[in-house]
C-alpha atoms as a PDB file:
ATOM      1  CA  MET A   1      93.759 -46.822 215.519  1.00  0.00           C
ATOM      2  CA  SER A   2      95.474 -49.674 213.680  1.00  0.00           C
ATOM      3  CA  GLU A   3      96.717 -49.316 210.113  1.00  0.00           C
ATOM      4  CA  ASP A   4      94.226 -51.922 208.948  1.00  0.00           C
ATOM      5  CA  LEU A   5      91.247 -49.814 210.284  1.00  0.00           C
ATOM      6  CA  VAL A   6      92.646 -46.584 208.797  1.00  0.00           C
ATOM      7  CA  SER A   7      93.055 -48.362 205.415  1.00  0.00           C
ATOM      8  CA  ARG A   8      89.568 -49.729 205.545  1.00  0.00           C
ATOM      9  CA  ASP A   9      88.106 -46.282 206.431  1.00  0.00           C
ATOM     10  CA  PHE A  10      90.022 -44.711 203.552  1.00  0.00           C
ATOM     11  CA  ASN A  11      88.684 -47.370 201.121  1.00  0.00           C
ATOM     12  CA  CYS A  12      85.134 -46.795 202.305  1.00  0.00           C
ATOM     13  CA  CYS A  13      85.594 -43.087 201.716  1.00  0.00           C
ATOM     14  CA  LEU A  14      86.726 -43.689 198.119  1.00  0.00           C
ATOM     15  CA  ILE A  15      83.848 -46.038 197.449  1.00  0.00           C
ATOM     16  CA  HIS A  16      81.416 -43.333 198.681  1.00  0.00           C
ATOM     17  CA  ILE A  17      83.037 -40.822 196.320  1.00  0.00           C
ATOM     18  CA  LEU A  18      82.752 -43.292 193.436  1.00  0.00           C
ATOM     19  CA  LYS A  19      79.088 -43.911 194.180  1.00  0.00           C
ATOM     20  CA  ARG A  20      78.381 -40.159 194.026  1.00  0.00           C
ATOM     21  CA  LEU A  21      80.272 -40.011 190.671  1.00  0.00           C
ATOM     22  CA  GLN A  22      78.187 -42.858 189.200  1.00  0.00           C
ATOM     23  CA  GLY A  23      76.849 -41.726 185.802  1.00  0.00           C
ATOM     24  CA  GLU A  24      79.514 -38.972 185.430  1.00  0.00           C
ATOM     25  CA  LYS A  25      82.030 -38.622 182.564  1.00  0.00           C
ATOM     26  CA  ASP A  26      85.769 -38.143 182.830  1.00  0.00           C
ATOM     27  CA  VAL A  27      86.358 -40.111 186.058  1.00  0.00           C
ATOM     28  CA  ASN A  28      89.916 -41.108 186.886  1.00  0.00           C
ATOM     29  CA  ILE A  29      90.728 -44.050 189.089  1.00  0.00           C
ATOM     30  CA  ARG A  30      94.146 -45.190 190.379  1.00  0.00           C
ATOM     31  CA  THR A  31      94.788 -48.656 191.742  1.00  0.00           C
ATOM     32  CA  VAL A  32      97.401 -50.592 193.650  1.00  0.00           C
ATOM     33  CA  GLY A  33     100.442 -51.092 191.470  1.00  0.00           C
ATOM     34  CA  GLY A  34     100.110 -47.664 189.821  1.00  0.00           C
ATOM     35  CA  PHE A  35      97.510 -48.445 187.144  1.00  0.00           C
ATOM     36  CA  GLN A  36      95.440 -45.443 186.055  1.00  0.00           C
ATOM     37  CA  PHE A  37      91.963 -45.764 184.525  1.00  0.00           C
ATOM     38  CA  GLU A  38      90.677 -42.706 182.727  1.00  0.00           C
ATOM     39  CA  ALA A  39      86.927 -43.226 181.966  1.00  0.00           C
ATOM     40  CA  GLU A  40      86.322 -40.883 178.950  1.00  0.00           C
ATOM     41  CA  GLY A  41      82.845 -42.366 178.786  1.00  0.00           C
ATOM     42  CA  ARG A  42      80.846 -42.848 181.967  1.00  0.00           C
ATOM     43  CA  LEU A  43      81.350 -44.496 185.321  1.00  0.00           C
ATOM     44  CA  ALA A  44      78.435 -46.784 184.675  1.00  0.00           C
ATOM     45  CA  ARG A  45      77.931 -48.632 187.950  1.00  0.00           C
ATOM     46  CA  VAL A  46      79.457 -49.050 191.372  1.00  0.00           C
ATOM     47  CA  GLU A  47      78.190 -52.140 193.184  1.00  0.00           C
ATOM     48  CA  ASP A  48      79.143 -55.533 194.589  1.00  0.00           C
ATOM     49  CA  GLY A  49      82.766 -54.440 195.114  1.00  0.00           C
ATOM     50  CA  LEU A  50      83.279 -53.501 191.495  1.00  0.00           C
ATOM     51  CA  ALA A  51      83.254 -50.314 189.415  1.00  0.00           C
ATOM     52  CA  LEU A  52      82.168 -50.524 185.813  1.00  0.00           C
ATOM     53  CA  ALA A  53      83.283 -47.818 183.358  1.00  0.00           C
ATOM     54  CA  THR A  54      83.019 -47.247 179.552  1.00  0.00           C
ATOM     55  CA  ASP A  55      85.397 -45.891 176.968  1.00  0.00           C
ATOM     56  CA  VAL A  56      88.455 -46.231 179.213  1.00  0.00           C
ATOM     57  CA  LYS A  57      92.192 -45.528 178.708  1.00  0.00           C
ATOM     58  CA  VAL A  58      94.381 -47.585 180.903  1.00  0.00           C
ATOM     59  CA  PHE A  59      97.920 -46.432 181.686  1.00  0.00           C
ATOM     60  CA  THR A  60     100.292 -49.073 183.022  1.00  0.00           C
ATOM     61  CA  PRO A  61     102.932 -48.214 185.634  1.00  0.00           C
ATOM     62  CA  GLY A  62     106.094 -46.658 184.195  1.00  0.00           C
ATOM     63  CA  SER A  63     104.612 -46.141 180.739  1.00  0.00           C
ATOM     64  CA  ASP A  64     103.145 -43.138 178.943  1.00  0.00           C
ATOM     65  CA  GLU A  65     101.388 -45.481 176.508  1.00  0.00           C
ATOM     66  CA  ALA A  66      97.678 -46.153 177.068  1.00  0.00           C
ATOM     67  CA  PHE A  67      95.491 -49.086 176.143  1.00  0.00           C
ATOM     68  CA  ARG A  68      91.862 -48.348 175.102  1.00  0.00           C
ATOM     69  CA  PHE A  69      88.999 -50.515 176.169  1.00  0.00           C
ATOM     70  CA  GLY A  70      85.234 -50.140 175.555  1.00  0.00           C
ATOM     71  CA  ASN A  71      84.375 -51.357 179.038  1.00  0.00           C
ATOM     72  CA  VAL A  72      86.397 -52.213 182.154  1.00  0.00           C
ATOM     73  CA  THR A  73      85.617 -53.664 185.596  1.00  0.00           C
ATOM     74  CA  ILE A  74      87.733 -52.453 188.528  1.00  0.00           C
ATOM     75  CA  ASN A  75      87.980 -54.169 191.846  1.00  0.00           C
ATOM     76  CA  LEU A  76      87.082 -51.552 194.555  1.00  0.00           C
ATOM     77  CA  CYS A  77      89.512 -53.180 196.993  1.00  0.00           C
ATOM     78  CA  ALA A  78      92.417 -52.092 194.755  1.00  0.00           C
ATOM     79  CA  ILE A  79      91.479 -48.388 194.475  1.00  0.00           C
ATOM     80  CA  THR A  80      93.996 -45.875 195.876  1.00  0.00           C
ATOM     81  CA  SER A  81      92.593 -42.640 194.541  1.00  0.00           C
ATOM     82  CA  VAL A  82      89.674 -41.179 192.639  1.00  0.00           C
ATOM     83  CA  GLY A  83      89.339 -37.947 190.679  1.00  0.00           C
ATOM     84  CA  GLU A  84      87.359 -36.122 188.086  1.00  0.00           C
ATOM     85  CA  ASP A  85      88.582 -34.061 185.134  1.00  0.00           C
END
């Protein structure tokens, strides 16, 4: 199997996990580049290639400092891992 197919299958698996976590609190998402999104509120929606979350702390690569946002939209193509606290 080519790397492209493996990568696509892995992304599909992550998207299915996110869809199951829809409506849950304390969902963590990491993206390409090392950005980490900690949704202290809810993972509000997963649709149309986007994940919408509320009350989110965003950690940038190489920094322990977090930025807080009321709402964020995350491109599902950029997701590398998903977790729940």
